[in-house]
Amino acid sequence: MLEKRIAFNIYFMKLSDFFEKHVRVFTCNDLIIIGKVIDYYPAIGTESGEDEIDIFPNGVNHIILLKESDIEFIEELLSE
């Protein structure tokens, strides 16, 4: 299966724009996470005071919570 990629710098997009989308995330500590964004939390409701997302990574039975400051770059992956 071929994948089309649409890349977004986090500074030009809101994390809420990636809700329920399949993404590739590059984090500040050099991790690359590929999976589906299953939840979005606006800054007002979080302990950190930042927007946050939950990602369900492909092939892993765990949910990863990422704060906006953890993300260097995020891109949406579109399947053809």
C-alpha atoms as a PDB file:
ATOM      1  CA  MET A   1       0.000   0.000   0.000  1.00  0.00           C
ATOM      2  CA  LEU A   2       1.353   3.413  -0.932  1.00  0.00           C
ATOM      3  CA  GLU A   3       1.163   6.303   1.481  1.00  0.00           C
ATOM      4  CA  LYS A   4       0.863   9.962   0.698  1.00  0.00           C
ATOM      5  CA  ARG A   5       2.371  12.278   3.254  1.00  0.00           C
ATOM      6  CA  ILE A   6       1.240  15.733   4.200  1.00  0.00           C
ATOM      7  CA  ALA A   7       3.678  17.432   6.547  1.00  0.00           C
ATOM      8  CA  PHE A   8       2.863  20.186   8.982  1.00  0.00           C
ATOM      9  CA  ASN A   9       5.105  22.103  11.308  1.00  0.00           C
ATOM     10  CA  ILE A  10       3.435  22.191  14.711  1.00  0.00           C
ATOM     11  CA  TYR A  11       3.716  25.982  14.784  1.00  0.00           C
ATOM     12  CA  PHE A  12       1.352  26.332  11.809  1.00  0.00           C
ATOM     13  CA  MET A  13      -1.224  23.758  12.841  1.00  0.00           C
ATOM     14  CA  LYS A  14      -3.209  23.140  16.000  1.00  0.00           C
ATOM     15  CA  LEU A  15      -3.036  19.730  17.626  1.00  0.00           C
ATOM     16  CA  SER A  16      -6.827  19.575  17.438  1.00  0.00           C
ATOM     17  CA  ASP A  17      -6.486  19.454  13.622  1.00  0.00           C
ATOM     18  CA  PHE A  18      -4.939  15.985  13.935  1.00  0.00           C
ATOM     19  CA  PHE A  19      -7.745  14.435  16.027  1.00  0.00           C
ATOM     20  CA  GLU A  20      -8.723  10.998  14.602  1.00  0.00           C
ATOM     21  CA  LYS A  21      -5.985  11.181  11.948  1.00  0.00           C
ATOM     22  CA  HIS A  22      -3.119   8.798  11.259  1.00  0.00           C
ATOM     23  CA  VAL A  23       0.130  10.681  11.947  1.00  0.00           C
ATOM     24  CA  ARG A  24       3.897  10.463  12.237  1.00  0.00           C
ATOM     25  CA  VAL A  25       5.259  12.492  15.160  1.00  0.00           C
ATOM     26  CA  PHE A  26       8.877  13.502  15.671  1.00  0.00           C
ATOM     27  CA  THR A  27       9.495  14.302  19.334  1.00  0.00           C
ATOM     28  CA  CYS A  28      12.095  16.520  21.004  1.00  0.00           C
ATOM     29  CA  ASN A  29      13.872  13.466  22.424  1.00  0.00           C
ATOM     30  CA  ASP A  30      14.349  11.878  18.969  1.00  0.00           C
ATOM     31  CA  LEU A  31      11.449   9.413  19.074  1.00  0.00           C
ATOM     32  CA  ILE A  32       9.331   8.819  15.992  1.00  0.00           C
ATOM     33  CA  ILE A  33       5.793   7.684  16.761  1.00  0.00           C
ATOM     34  CA  ILE A  34       3.401   6.497  14.057  1.00  0.00           C
ATOM     35  CA  GLY A  35      -0.229   5.957  14.974  1.00  0.00           C
ATOM     36  CA  LYS A  36      -3.717   7.360  15.279  1.00  0.00           C
ATOM     37  CA  VAL A  37      -4.542  10.413  17.392  1.00  0.00           C
ATOM     38  CA  ILE A  38      -7.387   9.107  19.545  1.00  0.00           C
ATOM     39  CA  ASP A  39      -7.917  12.068  21.860  1.00  0.00           C
ATOM     40  CA  TYR A  40      -7.202  15.774  22.103  1.00  0.00           C
ATOM     41  CA  TYR A  41      -7.063  17.859  25.286  1.00  0.00           C
ATOM     42  CA  PRO A  42      -7.135  21.677  25.074  1.00  0.00           C
ATOM     43  CA  ALA A  43      -4.654  23.587  27.255  1.00  0.00           C
ATOM     44  CA  ILE A  44      -7.377  24.880  29.589  1.00  0.00           C
ATOM     45  CA  GLY A  45      -8.156  21.354  30.826  1.00  0.00           C
ATOM     46  CA  THR A  46      -4.616  20.007  31.252  1.00  0.00           C
ATOM     47  CA  GLU A  47      -2.202  19.987  34.188  1.00  0.00           C
ATOM     48  CA  SER A  48       0.650  21.135  31.966  1.00  0.00           C
ATOM     49  CA  GLY A  49      -1.261  24.142  30.625  1.00  0.00           C
ATOM     50  CA  GLU A  50      -0.461  22.963  27.070  1.00  0.00           C
ATOM     51  CA  ASP A  51      -2.523  21.263  24.394  1.00  0.00           C
ATOM     52  CA  GLU A  52      -2.078  17.481  24.573  1.00  0.00           C
ATOM     53  CA  ILE A  53      -2.907  14.486  22.379  1.00  0.00           C
ATOM     54  CA  ASP A  54      -3.183  10.740  22.955  1.00  0.00           C
ATOM     55  CA  ILE A  55      -1.695   8.558  20.228  1.00  0.00           C
ATOM     56  CA  PHE A  56      -2.406   4.850  19.779  1.00  0.00           C
ATOM     57  CA  PRO A  57       0.796   3.663  18.035  1.00  0.00           C
ATOM     58  CA  ASN A  58       0.687   1.020  15.306  1.00  0.00           C
ATOM     59  CA  GLY A  59       1.491  -2.434  16.634  1.00  0.00           C
ATOM     60  CA  VAL A  60       1.695  -1.389  20.303  1.00  0.00           C
ATOM     61  CA  ASN A  61      -1.001  -1.922  22.909  1.00  0.00           C
ATOM     62  CA  HIS A  62      -0.342   1.333  24.783  1.00  0.00           C
ATOM     63  CA  ILE A  63      -1.513   4.911  24.531  1.00  0.00           C
ATOM     64  CA  ILE A  64       1.104   7.670  24.471  1.00  0.00           C
ATOM     65  CA  LEU A  65       0.293  11.133  25.819  1.00  0.00           C
ATOM     66  CA  LEU A  66       2.232  13.972  24.194  1.00  0.00           C
ATOM     67  CA  LYS A  67       2.272  17.626  25.207  1.00  0.00           C
ATOM     68  CA  GLU A  68       2.635  20.286  22.552  1.00  0.00           C
ATOM     69  CA  SER A  69       6.163  21.087  23.808  1.00  0.00           C
ATOM     70  CA  ASP A  70       7.179  17.409  23.280  1.00  0.00           C
ATOM     71  CA  ILE A  71       6.475  17.628  19.541  1.00  0.00           C
ATOM     72  CA  GLU A  72       9.041  18.937  17.076  1.00  0.00           C
ATOM     73  CA  PHE A  73       7.178  18.003  13.912  1.00  0.00           C
ATOM     74  CA  ILE A  74       3.971  16.186  13.019  1.00  0.00           C
ATOM     75  CA  GLU A  75       2.710  14.947   9.681  1.00  0.00           C
ATOM     76  CA  GLU A  76      -0.550  13.369   8.618  1.00  0.00           C
ATOM     77  CA  LEU A  77      -0.236  10.089   6.728  1.00  0.00           C
ATOM     78  CA  LEU A  78      -2.875   9.502   4.074  1.00  0.00           C
ATOM     79  CA  SER A  79      -3.435   6.032   2.585  1.00  0.00           C
ATOM     80  CA  GLU A  80      -4.355   5.694  -1.070  1.00  0.00           C
END
